[in-house]
Amino acid sequence: MSSAANSNARRITSVLVVDDDVELAMMYKELLGSQGYIVNTAPNGVEALKLIMRHEVDAIICDMMMPHMPGDMFFTAVERVKPHLCQRFIFVTSYEGNPKIEAFFKKVNGIVLYKPTTLGKLMGTLNLLNQRLVIAADKKPSGTV
């Protein structure tokens, strides 16, 4: 395994926040920015898709319930155009226990952050994602990207 691939997996630096609650998205942006992350925001899945087509991101924090394109539909669209990003999602919802949403999380092996959240929970969840990415990078055979 190349150390370059491994070091890339170990450090999330850029985050896309997809949430129709603009105030909440700006709060995430401010909090994550204060921790050294480069943060972009999108108010819905349609705008987020445009953004990921123009820029690479290391992680996506995605609300589940949004107009125009809910989180599960956005994930499915990302699966088609940039499948490598699917392992980089953190889903955010206040609908804990909703059978349809929980079934989706289980199907995609999603990392979930339940609202309301704190900076500590947000940072812990990003660290969990980072650990998953490191494990996935360590499992890749040598020479793969």
Protein backbone atom coordinates (compact mmCIF):
# COMPACT_ATOMS: atom_id res chain seq x y z
CA MET A 1 0.00 0.00 0.00
CA SER A 2 1.31 3.43 -0.83
CA SER A 3 1.86 5.81 2.05
CA ALA A 4 0.38 8.63 -0.06
CA ALA A 5 -2.97 6.86 -0.28
CA ASN A 6 -2.84 6.08 3.41
CA SER A 7 -2.00 9.66 4.43
CA ASN A 8 -4.81 11.00 2.22
CA ALA A 9 -7.27 8.76 4.01
CA ARG A 10 -6.06 9.87 7.43
CA ARG A 11 -6.91 13.55 7.14
CA ILE A 12 -10.26 14.99 6.20
CA THR A 13 -9.68 18.63 5.28
CA SER A 14 -12.64 19.69 3.13
CA VAL A 15 -16.26 19.18 4.07
CA LEU A 16 -19.48 19.79 2.16
CA VAL A 17 -22.51 20.57 4.34
CA VAL A 18 -25.84 19.90 2.59
CA ASP A 19 -28.77 21.29 4.58
CA ASP A 20 -31.83 23.35 3.70
CA ASP A 21 -31.65 25.03 7.12
CA VAL A 22 -29.28 27.83 6.09
CA GLU A 23 -28.65 28.98 9.67
CA LEU A 24 -27.70 25.46 10.73
CA ALA A 25 -25.45 25.02 7.69
CA MET A 26 -23.70 28.30 8.51
CA MET A 27 -23.27 27.18 12.12
CA TYR A 28 -21.64 23.94 10.92
CA LYS A 29 -19.46 25.98 8.57
CA GLU A 30 -18.34 28.28 11.39
CA LEU A 31 -17.72 25.44 13.86
CA LEU A 32 -15.84 23.26 11.39
CA GLY A 33 -13.94 26.26 10.04
CA SER A 34 -12.79 27.07 13.58
CA GLN A 35 -11.36 23.52 13.71
CA GLY A 36 -9.35 24.05 10.51
CA TYR A 37 -11.69 22.48 7.95
CA ILE A 38 -12.42 24.01 4.56
CA VAL A 39 -16.23 24.05 4.39
CA ASN A 40 -18.65 24.57 1.53
CA THR A 41 -22.42 24.56 1.94
CA ALA A 42 -25.34 23.74 -0.32
CA PRO A 43 -29.04 24.26 0.52
CA ASN A 44 -30.18 21.09 -1.27
CA GLY A 45 -29.02 18.02 -3.13
CA VAL A 46 -29.28 19.66 -6.55
CA GLU A 47 -26.88 22.46 -5.61
CA ALA A 48 -24.64 19.97 -3.79
CA LEU A 49 -24.36 17.83 -6.94
CA LYS A 50 -23.26 20.88 -8.94
CA LEU A 51 -20.65 21.62 -6.29
CA ILE A 52 -19.16 18.11 -6.16
CA MET A 53 -18.93 18.07 -9.95
CA ARG A 54 -16.68 21.16 -9.75
CA HIS A 55 -14.73 20.47 -6.53
CA GLU A 56 -13.39 17.47 -4.68
CA VAL A 57 -14.47 17.07 -1.06
CA ASP A 58 -13.24 14.75 1.67
CA ALA A 59 -16.52 14.41 3.56
CA ILE A 60 -20.21 15.20 3.07
CA ILE A 61 -22.48 16.09 5.98
CA CYS A 62 -25.96 15.61 4.55
CA ASP A 63 -29.38 16.36 6.02
CA MET A 64 -31.96 13.69 5.20
CA MET A 65 -35.13 15.78 4.91
CA MET A 66 -34.75 18.52 2.29
CA PRO A 67 -36.95 19.90 -0.46
CA HIS A 68 -36.11 19.22 -4.13
CA MET A 69 -33.84 16.26 -3.35
CA PRO A 70 -33.79 14.53 0.06
CA GLY A 71 -30.58 13.02 1.44
CA ASP A 72 -31.23 9.48 0.22
CA MET A 73 -31.87 10.71 -3.34
CA PHE A 74 -28.73 12.87 -3.20
CA PHE A 75 -26.72 9.83 -2.06
CA THR A 76 -28.12 7.79 -4.98
CA ALA A 77 -27.18 10.57 -7.42
CA VAL A 78 -23.65 10.76 -5.97
CA GLU A 79 -23.41 6.97 -6.31
CA ARG A 80 -23.89 7.40 -10.06
CA VAL A 81 -21.50 10.31 -10.69
CA LYS A 82 -18.83 10.03 -7.98
CA PRO A 83 -19.20 6.65 -6.28
CA HIS A 84 -15.98 7.03 -4.28
CA LEU A 85 -17.73 9.75 -2.24
CA CYS A 86 -20.42 7.37 -0.96
CA GLN A 87 -18.13 6.12 1.80
CA ARG A 88 -17.57 9.74 2.87
CA PHE A 89 -21.13 10.62 3.96
CA ILE A 90 -22.32 11.58 7.42
CA PHE A 91 -26.12 11.71 7.45
CA VAL A 92 -27.87 14.15 9.77
CA THR A 93 -31.49 13.77 10.85
CA SER A 94 -33.90 14.58 13.63
CA TYR A 95 -36.05 11.59 12.62
CA GLU A 96 -34.41 8.98 14.85
CA GLY A 97 -36.36 5.74 14.70
CA ASN A 98 -38.13 6.50 11.40
CA PRO A 99 -38.33 3.02 9.78
CA LYS A 100 -37.76 4.23 6.20
CA ILE A 101 -34.77 6.39 7.12
CA GLU A 102 -33.26 3.77 9.44
CA ALA A 103 -33.61 1.12 6.68
CA PHE A 104 -31.72 3.42 4.29
CA PHE A 105 -28.92 3.97 6.83
CA LYS A 106 -28.59 0.22 7.35
CA LYS A 107 -28.60 -0.47 3.59
CA VAL A 108 -25.76 1.98 2.89
CA ASN A 109 -23.90 1.33 6.17
CA GLY A 110 -24.24 5.04 6.87
CA ILE A 111 -22.73 7.07 9.66
CA VAL A 112 -25.55 8.99 11.31
CA LEU A 113 -25.60 12.09 13.48
CA TYR A 114 -28.92 12.74 15.21
CA LYS A 115 -30.14 16.29 15.83
CA PRO A 116 -29.78 18.21 18.00
CA THR A 117 -26.02 17.88 18.01
CA THR A 118 -23.00 19.49 19.63
CA LEU A 119 -19.54 20.38 18.38
CA GLY A 120 -18.21 17.39 20.34
CA LYS A 121 -20.62 14.98 18.64
CA LEU A 122 -19.89 16.52 15.23
CA MET A 123 -16.11 16.22 15.70
CA GLY A 124 -16.47 12.69 17.08
CA THR A 125 -18.53 11.70 14.05
CA LEU A 126 -15.94 13.17 11.68
CA ASN A 127 -13.27 11.20 13.55
CA LEU A 128 -15.35 8.03 13.13
CA LEU A 129 -15.59 8.68 9.39
CA ASN A 130 -11.85 9.28 9.26
CA GLN A 131 -11.23 5.94 11.02
CA ARG A 132 -13.44 4.15 8.49
CA LEU A 133 -11.53 5.74 5.63
CA VAL A 134 -8.19 4.68 7.13
CA ILE A 135 -9.41 1.10 7.52
CA ALA A 136 -10.71 1.09 3.93
CA ALA A 137 -7.38 2.49 2.65
CA ASP A 138 -5.45 -0.14 4.61
CA LYS A 139 -7.54 -2.91 3.04
CA LYS A 140 -6.82 -1.77 -0.53
CA PRO A 141 -4.30 -3.89 -2.40
CA SER A 142 -1.05 -2.19 -3.41
CA GLY A 143 -1.25 -0.17 -6.58
CA THR A 144 -4.98 0.61 -6.40
CA VAL A 145 -6.31 4.12 -6.19
